[in-house]
């Protein structure tokens, strides 16, 4: 998954979690004299938009998760999508750590070979 795509998905989820905006919107609506019905309609519209944004972000996440799409696979639930994404991220982090260890091992082997070559060159 590209860093930009992941950042966009993450920022969408973070934005969706900010509930204080709703409280301030209610206070503002009340301050400008909106009726209770108008306030409720405004809140409902905001919630509907928030849910559309959340569903769109989850669809974007499903699109980049392996095993989350295919002819035989049903659309994943929200929780299944998040769990699969979490497991995929953990698996990728483990793979990166394994590769780092392999690189370090190869660098040590290369250093040992270079020392052997230097000794052979000085002995020759």
PDB file of N, CA and C in Angstrom:
ATOM      1  N   UNK A   1       0.855  -1.162   0.000  1.00  0.00           N
ATOM      2  CA  UNK A   1       0.000   0.000   0.000  1.00  0.00           C
ATOM      3  C   UNK A   1       0.899   1.221   0.000  1.00  0.00           C
ATOM      4  N   UNK A   2       0.568   2.197  -0.859  1.00  0.00           N
ATOM      5  CA  UNK A   2       1.413   3.380  -0.907  1.00  0.00           C
ATOM      6  C   UNK A   2       1.213   4.221   0.348  1.00  0.00           C
ATOM      7  N   UNK A   3       2.259   4.958   0.693  1.00  0.00           N
ATOM      8  CA  UNK A   3       2.218   5.794   1.892  1.00  0.00           C
ATOM      9  C   UNK A   3       1.150   6.867   1.761  1.00  0.00           C
ATOM     10  N   UNK A   4       1.025   7.447   0.557  1.00  0.00           N
ATOM     11  CA  UNK A   4       0.030   8.491   0.345  1.00  0.00           C
ATOM     12  C   UNK A   4      -1.372   7.945   0.532  1.00  0.00           C
ATOM     13  N   UNK A   5      -1.646   6.779  -0.049  1.00  0.00           N
ATOM     14  CA  UNK A   5      -2.977   6.172   0.066  1.00  0.00           C
ATOM     15  C   UNK A   5      -3.284   5.874   1.527  1.00  0.00           C
ATOM     16  N   UNK A   6      -2.317   5.305   2.239  1.00  0.00           N
ATOM     17  CA  UNK A   6      -2.518   4.984   3.651  1.00  0.00           C
ATOM     18  C   UNK A   6      -2.747   6.259   4.454  1.00  0.00           C
ATOM     19  N   UNK A   7      -1.985   7.316   4.164  1.00  0.00           N
ATOM     20  CA  UNK A   7      -2.149   8.587   4.879  1.00  0.00           C
ATOM     21  C   UNK A   7      -3.532   9.172   4.646  1.00  0.00           C
ATOM     22  N   UNK A   8      -4.017   9.081   3.400  1.00  0.00           N
ATOM     23  CA  UNK A   8      -5.356   9.587   3.098  1.00  0.00           C
ATOM     24  C   UNK A   8      -6.417   8.818   3.863  1.00  0.00           C
ATOM     25  N   UNK A   9      -6.294   7.502   3.893  1.00  0.00           N
ATOM     26  CA  UNK A   9      -7.259   6.678   4.616  1.00  0.00           C
ATOM     27  C   UNK A   9      -7.204   6.984   6.100  1.00  0.00           C
ATOM     28  N   UNK A  10      -5.994   7.082   6.641  1.00  0.00           N
ATOM     29  CA  UNK A  10      -5.833   7.361   8.068  1.00  0.00           C
ATOM     30  C   UNK A  10      -6.402   8.727   8.425  1.00  0.00           C
ATOM     31  N   UNK A  11      -6.129   9.739   7.603  1.00  0.00           N
ATOM     32  CA  UNK A  11      -6.641  11.076   7.919  1.00  0.00           C
ATOM     33  C   UNK A  11      -8.158  11.114   7.840  1.00  0.00           C
ATOM     34  N   UNK A  12      -8.751  10.335   6.935  1.00  0.00           N
ATOM     35  CA  UNK A  12     -10.209  10.264   6.863  1.00  0.00           C
ATOM     36  C   UNK A  12     -10.771   9.684   8.142  1.00  0.00           C
ATOM     37  N   UNK A  13     -10.183   8.584   8.627  1.00  0.00           N
ATOM     38  CA  UNK A  13     -10.663   7.979   9.870  1.00  0.00           C
ATOM     39  C   UNK A  13     -10.487   8.924  11.055  1.00  0.00           C
ATOM     40  N   UNK A  14      -9.371   9.619  11.110  1.00  0.00           N
ATOM     41  CA  UNK A  14      -9.146  10.560  12.209  1.00  0.00           C
ATOM     42  C   UNK A  14     -10.174  11.682  12.148  1.00  0.00           C
ATOM     43  N   UNK A  15     -10.434  12.181  10.952  1.00  0.00           N
ATOM     44  CA  UNK A  15     -11.428  13.240  10.797  1.00  0.00           C
ATOM     45  C   UNK A  15     -12.813  12.805  11.214  1.00  0.00           C
ATOM     46  N   UNK A  16     -13.133  11.548  10.959  1.00  0.00           N
ATOM     47  CA  UNK A  16     -14.451  11.041  11.324  1.00  0.00           C
ATOM     48  C   UNK A  16     -14.624  10.900  12.820  1.00  0.00           C
ATOM     49  N   UNK A  17     -13.535  10.841  13.550  1.00  0.00           N
ATOM     50  CA  UNK A  17     -13.606  10.611  14.990  1.00  0.00           C
ATOM     51  C   UNK A  17     -13.764  11.906  15.785  1.00  0.00           C
ATOM     52  N   UNK A  18     -13.760  13.038  15.126  1.00  0.00           N
ATOM     53  CA  UNK A  18     -13.835  14.307  15.839  1.00  0.00           C
ATOM     54  C   UNK A  18     -15.291  14.671  16.118  1.00  0.00           C
ATOM     55  N   UNK A  19     -15.795  14.283  17.253  1.00  0.00           N
ATOM     56  CA  UNK A  19     -17.192  14.519  17.605  1.00  0.00           C
ATOM     57  C   UNK A  19     -17.436  15.930  18.100  1.00  0.00           C
ATOM     58  N   UNK A  20     -16.410  16.628  18.506  1.00  0.00           N
ATOM     59  CA  UNK A  20     -16.592  17.973  19.052  1.00  0.00           C
ATOM     60  C   UNK A  20     -17.152  18.932  18.009  1.00  0.00           C
ATOM     61  N   UNK A  21     -16.943  18.637  16.721  1.00  0.00           N
ATOM     62  CA  UNK A  21     -17.484  19.494  15.669  1.00  0.00           C
ATOM     63  C   UNK A  21     -19.001  19.521  15.729  1.00  0.00           C
ATOM     64  N   UNK A  22     -19.624  18.385  16.009  1.00  0.00           N
ATOM     65  CA  UNK A  22     -21.078  18.313  16.081  1.00  0.00           C
ATOM     66  C   UNK A  22     -21.602  19.167  17.225  1.00  0.00           C
ATOM     67  N   UNK A  23     -20.949  19.102  18.363  1.00  0.00           N
ATOM     68  CA  UNK A  23     -21.365  19.892  19.524  1.00  0.00           C
ATOM     69  C   UNK A  23     -21.271  21.373  19.206  1.00  0.00           C
ATOM     70  N   UNK A  24     -20.157  21.803  18.616  1.00  0.00           N
ATOM     71  CA  UNK A  24     -20.010  23.226  18.299  1.00  0.00           C
ATOM     72  C   UNK A  24     -21.009  23.655  17.234  1.00  0.00           C
ATOM     73  N   UNK A  25     -21.342  22.770  16.289  1.00  0.00           N
ATOM     74  CA  UNK A  25     -22.330  23.100  15.263  1.00  0.00           C
ATOM     75  C   UNK A  25     -23.709  23.301  15.880  1.00  0.00           C
ATOM     76  N   UNK A  26     -24.064  22.469  16.858  1.00  0.00           N
ATOM     77  CA  UNK A  26     -25.354  22.618  17.544  1.00  0.00           C
ATOM     78  C   UNK A  26     -25.399  23.958  18.275  1.00  0.00           C
ATOM     79  N   UNK A  27     -24.308  24.281  18.968  1.00  0.00           N
ATOM     80  CA  UNK A  27     -24.257  25.550  19.691  1.00  0.00           C
ATOM     81  C   UNK A  27     -24.357  26.733  18.732  1.00  0.00           C
ATOM     82  N   UNK A  28     -23.672  26.647  17.596  1.00  0.00           N
ATOM     83  CA  UNK A  28     -23.730  27.720  16.605  1.00  0.00           C
ATOM     84  C   UNK A  28     -25.128  27.852  16.019  1.00  0.00           C
ATOM     85  N   UNK A  29     -25.754  26.726  15.696  1.00  0.00           N
ATOM     86  CA  UNK A  29     -27.098  26.743  15.124  1.00  0.00           C
ATOM     87  C   UNK A  29     -28.089  27.342  16.109  1.00  0.00           C
ATOM     88  N   UNK A  30     -27.946  26.988  17.371  1.00  0.00           N
ATOM     89  CA  UNK A  30     -28.823  27.532  18.402  1.00  0.00           C
ATOM     90  C   UNK A  30     -28.588  29.031  18.553  1.00  0.00           C
ATOM     91  N   UNK A  31     -27.339  29.440  18.475  1.00  0.00           N
ATOM     92  CA  UNK A  31     -26.996  30.850  18.641  1.00  0.00           C
ATOM     93  C   UNK A  31     -27.573  31.707  17.522  1.00  0.00           C
ATOM     94  N   UNK A  32     -27.644  31.167  16.297  1.00  0.00           N
ATOM     95  CA  UNK A  32     -28.181  31.968  15.189  1.00  0.00           C
ATOM     96  C   UNK A  32     -29.690  31.820  15.064  1.00  0.00           C
ATOM     97  N   UNK A  33     -30.314  31.085  15.972  1.00  0.00           N
ATOM     98  CA  UNK A  33     -31.767  31.029  16.028  1.00  0.00           C
ATOM     99  C   UNK A  33     -32.414  29.958  15.172  1.00  0.00           C
ATOM    100  N   UNK A  34     -31.702  28.909  14.807  1.00  0.00           N
ATOM    101  CA  UNK A  34     -32.329  27.817  14.056  1.00  0.00           C
ATOM    102  C   UNK A  34     -33.313  27.084  14.954  1.00  0.00           C
ATOM    103  N   UNK A  35     -34.383  26.591  14.353  1.00  0.00           N
ATOM    104  CA  UNK A  35     -35.364  25.825  15.119  1.00  0.00           C
ATOM    105  C   UNK A  35     -34.784  24.467  15.470  1.00  0.00           C
ATOM    106  N   UNK A  36     -35.443  23.789  16.406  1.00  0.00           N
ATOM    107  CA  UNK A  36     -34.999  22.440  16.772  1.00  0.00           C
ATOM    108  C   UNK A  36     -35.014  21.516  15.564  1.00  0.00           C
ATOM    109  N   UNK A  37     -36.039  21.649  14.724  1.00  0.00           N
ATOM    110  CA  UNK A  37     -36.129  20.810  13.524  1.00  0.00           C
ATOM    111  C   UNK A  37     -34.982  21.129  12.574  1.00  0.00           C
ATOM    112  N   UNK A  38     -34.651  22.415  12.441  1.00  0.00           N
ATOM    113  CA  UNK A  38     -33.539  22.807  11.576  1.00  0.00           C
ATOM    114  C   UNK A  38     -32.214  22.290  12.089  1.00  0.00           C
ATOM    115  N   UNK A  39     -32.040  22.345  13.407  1.00  0.00           N
ATOM    116  CA  UNK A  39     -30.820  21.817  14.021  1.00  0.00           C
ATOM    117  C   UNK A  39     -30.738  20.319  13.776  1.00  0.00           C
ATOM    118  N   UNK A  40     -31.861  19.620  13.971  1.00  0.00           N
ATOM    119  CA  UNK A  40     -31.890  18.168  13.776  1.00  0.00           C
ATOM    120  C   UNK A  40     -31.578  17.821  12.325  1.00  0.00           C
ATOM    121  N   UNK A  41     -32.158  18.562  11.374  1.00  0.00           N
ATOM    122  CA  UNK A  41     -31.877  18.314   9.954  1.00  0.00           C
ATOM    123  C   UNK A  41     -30.401  18.535   9.645  1.00  0.00           C
ATOM    124  N   UNK A  42     -29.843  19.576  10.232  1.00  0.00           N
ATOM    125  CA  UNK A  42     -28.424  19.863  10.026  1.00  0.00           C
ATOM    126  C   UNK A  42     -27.552  18.736  10.585  1.00  0.00           C
ATOM    127  N   UNK A  43     -27.902  18.273  11.776  1.00  0.00           N
ATOM    128  CA  UNK A  43     -27.144  17.176  12.399  1.00  0.00           C
ATOM    129  C   UNK A  43     -27.272  15.904  11.568  1.00  0.00           C
ATOM    130  N   UNK A  44     -28.497  15.612  11.106  1.00  0.00           N
ATOM    131  CA  UNK A  44     -28.715  14.408  10.293  1.00  0.00           C
ATOM    132  C   UNK A  44     -27.918  14.463   8.996  1.00  0.00           C
ATOM    133  N   UNK A  45     -27.915  15.637   8.360  1.00  0.00           N
ATOM    134  CA  UNK A  45     -27.157  15.797   7.119  1.00  0.00           C
ATOM    135  C   UNK A  45     -25.667  15.590   7.370  1.00  0.00           C
ATOM    136  N   UNK A  46     -25.166  16.179   8.442  1.00  0.00           N
ATOM    137  CA  UNK A  46     -23.751  16.032   8.780  1.00  0.00           C
ATOM    138  C   UNK A  46     -23.414  14.563   9.055  1.00  0.00           C
ATOM    139  N   UNK A  47     -24.286  13.874   9.776  1.00  0.00           N
ATOM    140  CA  UNK A  47     -24.061  12.455  10.084  1.00  0.00           C
ATOM    141  C   UNK A  47     -24.105  11.613   8.810  1.00  0.00           C
ATOM    142  N   UNK A  48     -25.052  11.933   7.915  1.00  0.00           N
ATOM    143  CA  UNK A  48     -25.143  11.200   6.655  1.00  0.00           C
ATOM    144  C   UNK A  48     -23.860  11.387   5.847  1.00  0.00           C
ATOM    145  N   UNK A  49     -23.366  12.616   5.791  1.00  0.00           N
ATOM    146  CA  UNK A  49     -22.104  12.887   5.076  1.00  0.00           C
ATOM    147  C   UNK A  49     -20.938  12.155   5.736  1.00  0.00           C
ATOM    148  N   UNK A  50     -20.926  12.159   7.063  1.00  0.00           N
ATOM    149  CA  UNK A  50     -19.862  11.468   7.794  1.00  0.00           C
ATOM    150  C   UNK A  50     -19.878   9.979   7.478  1.00  0.00           C
ATOM    151  N   UNK A  51     -21.067   9.389   7.455  1.00  0.00           N
ATOM    152  CA  UNK A  51     -21.178   7.954   7.159  1.00  0.00           C
ATOM    153  C   UNK A  51     -20.777   7.657   5.715  1.00  0.00           C
ATOM    154  N   UNK A  52     -21.147   8.547   4.785  1.00  0.00           N
ATOM    155  CA  UNK A  52     -20.716   8.355   3.397  1.00  0.00           C
ATOM    156  C   UNK A  52     -19.191   8.414   3.307  1.00  0.00           C
ATOM    157  N   UNK A  53     -18.593   9.371   4.008  1.00  0.00           N
ATOM    158  CA  UNK A  53     -17.128   9.481   4.019  1.00  0.00           C
ATOM    159  C   UNK A  53     -16.487   8.239   4.637  1.00  0.00           C
ATOM    160  N   UNK A  54     -17.067   7.760   5.726  1.00  0.00           N
ATOM    161  CA  UNK A  54     -16.553   6.552   6.382  1.00  0.00           C
ATOM    162  C   UNK A  54     -16.640   5.352   5.443  1.00  0.00           C
ATOM    163  N   UNK A  55     -17.785   5.176   4.800  1.00  0.00           N
ATOM    164  CA  UNK A  55     -17.954   4.046   3.881  1.00  0.00           C
ATOM    165  C   UNK A  55     -17.013   4.156   2.684  1.00  0.00           C
ATOM    166  N   UNK A  56     -16.802   5.371   2.203  1.00  0.00           N
ATOM    167  CA  UNK A  56     -15.865   5.566   1.094  1.00  0.00           C
ATOM    168  C   UNK A  56     -14.436   5.220   1.522  1.00  0.00           C
ATOM    169  N   UNK A  57     -14.061   5.641   2.729  1.00  0.00           N
ATOM    170  CA  UNK A  57     -12.724   5.328   3.243  1.00  0.00           C
ATOM    171  C   UNK A  57     -12.555   3.818   3.419  1.00  0.00           C
ATOM    172  N   UNK A  58     -13.588   3.146   3.897  1.00  0.00           N
ATOM    173  CA  UNK A  58     -13.519   1.688   4.048  1.00  0.00           C
ATOM    174  C   UNK A  58     -13.421   1.004   2.688  1.00  0.00           C
ATOM    175  N   UNK A  59     -14.143   1.519   1.692  1.00  0.00           N
ATOM    176  CA  UNK A  59     -14.030   0.962   0.339  1.00  0.00           C
ATOM    177  C   UNK A  59     -12.613   1.144  -0.203  1.00  0.00           C
ATOM    178  N   UNK A  60     -12.020   2.321   0.043  1.00  0.00           N
ATOM    179  CA  UNK A  60     -10.631   2.554  -0.378  1.00  0.00           C
ATOM    180  C   UNK A  60      -9.687   1.580   0.319  1.00  0.00           C
ATOM    181  N   UNK A  61      -9.930   1.335   1.593  1.00  0.00           N
ATOM    182  CA  UNK A  61      -9.097   0.400   2.353  1.00  0.00           C
ATOM    183  C   UNK A  61      -9.263  -1.019   1.816  1.00  0.00           C
ATOM    184  N   UNK A  62     -10.502  -1.417   1.526  1.00  0.00           N
ATOM    185  CA  UNK A  62     -10.747  -2.757   0.964  1.00  0.00           C
ATOM    186  C   UNK A  62     -10.017  -2.940  -0.366  1.00  0.00           C
ATOM    187  N   UNK A  63      -9.918  -1.855  -1.129  1.00  0.00           N
ATOM    188  CA  UNK A  63      -9.298  -1.934  -2.455  1.00  0.00           C
ATOM    189  C   UNK A  63      -7.806  -2.226  -2.384  1.00  0.00           C
ATOM    190  N   UNK A  64      -7.152  -1.876  -1.279  1.00  0.00           N
ATOM    191  CA  UNK A  64      -5.703  -2.068  -1.197  1.00  0.00           C
ATOM    192  C   UNK A  64      -5.301  -3.229  -0.297  1.00  0.00           C
ATOM    193  N   UNK A  65      -6.264  -3.891   0.322  1.00  0.00           N
ATOM    194  CA  UNK A  65      -5.959  -5.031   1.189  1.00  0.00           C
ATOM    195  C   UNK A  65      -5.977  -6.302   0.345  1.00  0.00           C
ATOM    196  N   UNK A  66      -4.910  -7.112   0.413  1.00  0.00           N
ATOM    197  CA  UNK A  66      -4.948  -8.393  -0.291  1.00  0.00           C
ATOM    198  C   UNK A  66      -6.047  -9.283   0.289  1.00  0.00           C
ATOM    199  N   UNK A  67      -6.572 -10.148  -0.515  1.00  0.00           N
ATOM    200  CA  UNK A  67      -7.605 -11.116  -0.127  1.00  0.00           C
ATOM    201  C   UNK A  67      -8.956 -10.473   0.151  1.00  0.00           C
ATOM    202  N   UNK A  68      -9.092  -9.179  -0.053  1.00  0.00           N
ATOM    203  CA  UNK A  68     -10.357  -8.519   0.252  1.00  0.00           C
ATOM    204  C   UNK A  68     -11.239  -8.373  -0.980  1.00  0.00           C
ATOM    205  N   UNK A  69     -10.752  -8.819  -2.117  1.00  0.00           N
ATOM    206  CA  UNK A  69     -11.565  -8.707  -3.318  1.00  0.00           C
ATOM    207  C   UNK A  69     -11.373  -9.938  -4.182  1.00  0.00           C
ATOM    208  N   UNK A  70     -12.282 -10.137  -5.053  1.00  0.00           N
ATOM    209  CA  UNK A  70     -12.268 -11.302  -5.920  1.00  0.00           C
ATOM    210  C   UNK A  70     -13.692 -11.748  -6.173  1.00  0.00           C
ATOM    211  N   UNK A  71     -13.857 -12.626  -7.151  1.00  0.00           N
ATOM    212  CA  UNK A  71     -15.200 -13.072  -7.510  1.00  0.00           C
ATOM    213  C   UNK A  71     -15.870 -13.867  -6.409  1.00  0.00           C
ATOM    214  N   UNK A  72     -15.100 -14.656  -5.681  1.00  0.00           N
ATOM    215  CA  UNK A  72     -15.694 -15.541  -4.684  1.00  0.00           C
ATOM    216  C   UNK A  72     -15.772 -14.911  -3.297  1.00  0.00           C
ATOM    217  N   UNK A  73     -15.313 -13.675  -3.161  1.00  0.00           N
ATOM    218  CA  UNK A  73     -15.270 -13.040  -1.846  1.00  0.00           C
ATOM    219  C   UNK A  73     -16.372 -11.984  -1.751  1.00  0.00           C
ATOM    220  N   UNK A  74     -17.206 -12.110  -0.717  1.00  0.00           N
ATOM    221  CA  UNK A  74     -18.227 -11.093  -0.468  1.00  0.00           C
ATOM    222  C   UNK A  74     -17.558  -9.828   0.047  1.00  0.00           C
ATOM    223  N   UNK A  75     -18.282  -8.723  -0.050  1.00  0.00           N
ATOM    224  CA  UNK A  75     -17.765  -7.468   0.501  1.00  0.00           C
ATOM    225  C   UNK A  75     -17.582  -7.640   2.000  1.00  0.00           C
ATOM    226  N   UNK A  76     -16.399  -7.259   2.482  1.00  0.00           N
ATOM    227  CA  UNK A  76     -16.091  -7.419   3.900  1.00  0.00           C
ATOM    228  C   UNK A  76     -16.879  -6.426   4.742  1.00  0.00           C
ATOM    229  N   UNK A  77     -17.226  -6.836   5.945  1.00  0.00           N
ATOM    230  CA  UNK A  77     -17.867  -5.919   6.887  1.00  0.00           C
ATOM    231  C   UNK A  77     -16.843  -4.879   7.333  1.00  0.00           C
ATOM    232  N   UNK A  78     -17.323  -3.864   8.012  1.00  0.00           N
ATOM    233  CA  UNK A  78     -16.422  -2.809   8.487  1.00  0.00           C
ATOM    234  C   UNK A  78     -15.382  -3.378   9.444  1.00  0.00           C
ATOM    235  N   UNK A  79     -15.832  -4.165  10.409  1.00  0.00           N
ATOM    236  CA  UNK A  79     -14.894  -4.709  11.399  1.00  0.00           C
ATOM    237  C   UNK A  79     -13.927  -5.689  10.741  1.00  0.00           C
ATOM    238  N   UNK A  80     -14.426  -6.505   9.810  1.00  0.00           N
ATOM    239  CA  UNK A  80     -13.546  -7.451   9.115  1.00  0.00           C
ATOM    240  C   UNK A  80     -12.492  -6.701   8.300  1.00  0.00           C
ATOM    241  N   UNK A  81     -12.900  -5.602   7.674  1.00  0.00           N
ATOM    242  CA  UNK A  81     -11.958  -4.788   6.901  1.00  0.00           C
ATOM    243  C   UNK A  81     -10.855  -4.237   7.795  1.00  0.00           C
ATOM    244  N   UNK A  82     -11.251  -3.683   8.941  1.00  0.00           N
ATOM    245  CA  UNK A  82     -10.259  -3.108   9.857  1.00  0.00           C
ATOM    246  C   UNK A  82      -9.334  -4.180  10.429  1.00  0.00           C
ATOM    247  N   UNK A  83      -9.896  -5.337  10.794  1.00  0.00           N
ATOM    248  CA  UNK A  83      -9.065  -6.417  11.337  1.00  0.00           C
ATOM    249  C   UNK A  83      -8.102  -6.952  10.284  1.00  0.00           C
ATOM    250  N   UNK A  84      -8.596  -7.130   9.064  1.00  0.00           N
ATOM    251  CA  UNK A  84      -7.736  -7.616   7.989  1.00  0.00           C
ATOM    252  C   UNK A  84      -6.630  -6.603   7.685  1.00  0.00           C
ATOM    253  N   UNK A  85      -6.969  -5.321   7.691  1.00  0.00           N
ATOM    254  CA  UNK A  85      -5.958  -4.281   7.453  1.00  0.00           C
ATOM    255  C   UNK A  85      -4.915  -4.287   8.565  1.00  0.00           C
ATOM    256  N   UNK A  86      -5.369  -4.408   9.810  1.00  0.00           N
ATOM    257  CA  UNK A  86      -4.436  -4.446  10.944  1.00  0.00           C
ATOM    258  C   UNK A  86      -3.494  -5.636  10.812  1.00  0.00           C
ATOM    259  N   UNK A  87      -4.048  -6.805  10.514  1.00  0.00           N
ATOM    260  CA  UNK A  87      -3.216  -8.005  10.371  1.00  0.00           C
ATOM    261  C   UNK A  87      -2.242  -7.871   9.207  1.00  0.00           C
ATOM    262  N   UNK A  88      -2.697  -7.256   8.127  1.00  0.00           N
ATOM    263  CA  UNK A  88      -1.820  -7.058   6.965  1.00  0.00           C
ATOM    264  C   UNK A  88      -0.666  -6.116   7.320  1.00  0.00           C
ATOM    265  N   UNK A  89      -0.959  -5.057   8.059  1.00  0.00           N
ATOM    266  CA  UNK A  89       0.085  -4.115   8.474  1.00  0.00           C
ATOM    267  C   UNK A  89       1.090  -4.805   9.386  1.00  0.00           C
ATOM    268  N   UNK A  90       0.598  -5.613  10.320  1.00  0.00           N
ATOM    269  CA  UNK A  90       1.495  -6.354  11.218  1.00  0.00           C
ATOM    270  C   UNK A  90       2.369  -7.310  10.417  1.00  0.00           C
ATOM    271  N   UNK A  91       1.756  -8.010   9.460  1.00  0.00           N
ATOM    272  CA  UNK A  91       2.500  -8.955   8.631  1.00  0.00           C
ATOM    273  C   UNK A  91       3.583  -8.231   7.822  1.00  0.00           C
ATOM    274  N   UNK A  92       3.249  -7.062   7.273  1.00  0.00           N
ATOM    275  CA  UNK A  92       4.228  -6.286   6.506  1.00  0.00           C
ATOM    276  C   UNK A  92       5.358  -5.786   7.408  1.00  0.00           C
ATOM    277  N   UNK A  93       5.022  -5.358   8.617  1.00  0.00           N
ATOM    278  CA  UNK A  93       6.048  -4.899   9.564  1.00  0.00           C
ATOM    279  C   UNK A  93       6.992  -6.045   9.919  1.00  0.00           C
ATOM    280  N   UNK A  94       6.444  -7.246  10.119  1.00  0.00           N
ATOM    281  CA  UNK A  94       7.283  -8.415  10.411  1.00  0.00           C
ATOM    282  C   UNK A  94       8.188  -8.745   9.231  1.00  0.00           C
ATOM    283  N   UNK A  95       7.643  -8.646   8.018  1.00  0.00           N
ATOM    284  CA  UNK A  95       8.446  -8.923   6.826  1.00  0.00           C
ATOM    285  C   UNK A  95       9.585  -7.913   6.701  1.00  0.00           C
ATOM    286  N   UNK A  96       9.302  -6.660   6.987  1.00  0.00           N
ATOM    287  CA  UNK A  96      10.344  -5.625   6.937  1.00  0.00           C
ATOM    288  C   UNK A  96      11.432  -5.920   7.958  1.00  0.00           C
ATOM    289  N   UNK A  97      11.036  -6.307   9.160  1.00  0.00           N
ATOM    290  CA  UNK A  97      12.018  -6.628  10.203  1.00  0.00           C
ATOM    291  C   UNK A  97      12.869  -7.829   9.789  1.00  0.00           C
ATOM    292  N   UNK A  98      12.235  -8.852   9.209  1.00  0.00           N
ATOM    293  CA  UNK A  98      12.986 -10.016   8.726  1.00  0.00           C
ATOM    294  C   UNK A  98      13.997  -9.603   7.659  1.00  0.00           C
ATOM    295  N   UNK A  99      13.570  -8.738   6.743  1.00  0.00           N
ATOM    296  CA  UNK A  99      14.478  -8.275   5.694  1.00  0.00           C
ATOM    297  C   UNK A  99      15.635  -7.462   6.270  1.00  0.00           C
ATOM    298  N   UNK A 100      15.357  -6.657   7.280  1.00  0.00           N
ATOM    299  CA  UNK A 100      16.440  -5.904   7.931  1.00  0.00           C
ATOM    300  C   UNK A 100      17.472  -6.852   8.527  1.00  0.00           C
ATOM    301  N   UNK A 101      16.999  -7.916   9.170  1.00  0.00           N
ATOM    302  CA  UNK A 101      17.924  -8.885   9.769  1.00  0.00           C
ATOM    303  C   UNK A 101      18.738  -9.591   8.688  1.00  0.00           C
ATOM    304  N   UNK A 102      18.114  -9.916   7.567  1.00  0.00           N
ATOM    305  CA  UNK A 102      18.831 -10.554   6.457  1.00  0.00           C
ATOM    306  C   UNK A 102      19.897  -9.607   5.912  1.00  0.00           C
ATOM    307  N   UNK A 103      19.541  -8.337   5.749  1.00  0.00           N
ATOM    308  CA  UNK A 103      20.503  -7.345   5.247  1.00  0.00           C
ATOM    309  C   UNK A 103      21.684  -7.212   6.199  1.00  0.00           C
ATOM    310  N   UNK A 104      21.414  -7.141   7.505  1.00  0.00           N
ATOM    311  CA  UNK A 104      22.504  -7.041   8.483  1.00  0.00           C
ATOM    312  C   UNK A 104      23.410  -8.265   8.413  1.00  0.00           C
ATOM    313  N   UNK A 105      22.817  -9.439   8.284  1.00  0.00           N
ATOM    314  CA  UNK A 105      23.604 -10.668   8.192  1.00  0.00           C
ATOM    315  C   UNK A 105      24.474 -10.655   6.935  1.00  0.00           C
ATOM    316  N   UNK A 106      23.890 -10.230   5.828  1.00  0.00           N
ATOM    317  CA  UNK A 106      24.647 -10.180   4.577  1.00  0.00           C
ATOM    318  C   UNK A 106      25.760  -9.133   4.651  1.00  0.00           C
ATOM    319  N   UNK A 107      25.494  -8.010   5.332  1.00  0.00           N
ATOM    320  CA  UNK A 107      26.531  -6.990   5.482  1.00  0.00           C
ATOM    321  C   UNK A 107      27.691  -7.523   6.317  1.00  0.00           C
ATOM    322  N   UNK A 108      27.377  -8.295   7.370  1.00  0.00           N
ATOM    323  CA  UNK A 108      28.445  -8.896   8.179  1.00  0.00           C
ATOM    324  C   UNK A 108      29.243  -9.889   7.336  1.00  0.00           C
ATOM    325  N   UNK A 109      28.563 -10.708   6.550  1.00  0.00           N
ATOM    326  CA  UNK A 109      29.249 -11.676   5.695  1.00  0.00           C
ATOM    327  C   UNK A 109      30.123 -10.963   4.670  1.00  0.00           C
ATOM    328  N   UNK A 110      29.600  -9.882   4.107  1.00  0.00           N
ATOM    329  CA  UNK A 110      30.367  -9.112   3.131  1.00  0.00           C
ATOM    330  C   UNK A 110      31.613  -8.517   3.780  1.00  0.00           C
ATOM    331  N   UNK A 111      31.452  -7.987   4.990  1.00  0.00           N
ATOM    332  CA  UNK A 111      32.604  -7.437   5.714  1.00  0.00           C
ATOM    333  C   UNK A 111      33.651  -8.500   5.971  1.00  0.00           C
ATOM    334  N   UNK A 112      33.221  -9.701   6.352  1.00  0.00           N
ATOM    335  CA  UNK A 112      34.159 -10.794   6.609  1.00  0.00           C
ATOM    336  C   UNK A 112      34.874 -11.190   5.319  1.00  0.00           C
ATOM    337  N   UNK A 113      34.157 -11.257   4.213  1.00  0.00           N
ATOM    338  CA  UNK A 113      34.770 -11.600   2.928  1.00  0.00           C
ATOM    339  C   UNK A 113      35.770 -10.527   2.493  1.00  0.00           C
ATOM    340  N   UNK A 114      35.422  -9.263   2.717  1.00  0.00           N
ATOM    341  CA  UNK A 114      36.341  -8.184   2.355  1.00  0.00           C
ATOM    342  C   UNK A 114      37.623  -8.259   3.183  1.00  0.00           C
ATOM    343  N   UNK A 115      37.489  -8.601   4.463  1.00  0.00           N
ATOM    344  CA  UNK A 115      38.679  -8.753   5.304  1.00  0.00           C
ATOM    345  C   UNK A 115      39.537  -9.909   4.805  1.00  0.00           C
ATOM    346  N   UNK A 116      38.909 -11.020   4.421  1.00  0.00           N
ATOM    347  CA  UNK A 116      39.662 -12.164   3.893  1.00  0.00           C
ATOM    348  C   UNK A 116      40.385 -11.776   2.611  1.00  0.00           C
ATOM    349  N   UNK A 117      39.682 -11.028   1.746  1.00  0.00           N
ATOM    350  CA  UNK A 117      40.313 -10.609   0.492  1.00  0.00           C
ATOM    351  C   UNK A 117      41.485  -9.674   0.769  1.00  0.00           C
ATOM    352  N   UNK A 118      41.331  -8.780   1.737  1.00  0.00           N
ATOM    353  CA  UNK A 118      42.424  -7.861   2.085  1.00  0.00           C
ATOM    354  C   UNK A 118      43.625  -8.638   2.610  1.00  0.00           C
ATOM    355  N   UNK A 119      43.364  -9.673   3.424  1.00  0.00           N
ATOM    356  CA  UNK A 119      44.462 -10.494   3.944  1.00  0.00           C
ATOM    357  C   UNK A 119      45.140 -11.253   2.813  1.00  0.00           C
ATOM    358  N   UNK A 120      44.348 -11.753   1.878  1.00  0.00           N
ATOM    359  CA  UNK A 120      44.927 -12.477   0.740  1.00  0.00           C
ATOM    360  C   UNK A 120      45.774 -11.539  -0.119  1.00  0.00           C
ATOM    361  N   UNK A 121      45.288 -10.304  -0.297  1.00  0.00           N
ATOM    362  CA  UNK A 121      46.031  -9.329  -1.104  1.00  0.00           C
ATOM    363  C   UNK A 121      47.355  -8.962  -0.438  1.00  0.00           C
ATOM    364  N   UNK A 122      47.351  -8.822   0.878  1.00  0.00           N
ATOM    365  CA  UNK A 122      48.588  -8.455   1.576  1.00  0.00           C
ATOM    366  C   UNK A 122      49.555  -9.628   1.630  1.00  0.00           C
ATOM    367  N   UNK A 123      49.058 -10.858   1.632  1.00  0.00           N
ATOM    368  CA  UNK A 123      49.912 -12.047   1.659  1.00  0.00           C
ATOM    369  C   UNK A 123      50.476 -12.368   0.280  1.00  0.00           C
ATOM    370  N   UNK A 124      49.852 -11.904  -0.759  1.00  0.00           N
ATOM    371  CA  UNK A 124      50.288 -12.257  -2.113  1.00  0.00           C
ATOM    372  C   UNK A 124      51.414 -11.435  -2.603  1.00  0.00           C
TER     373      UNK A 124
END
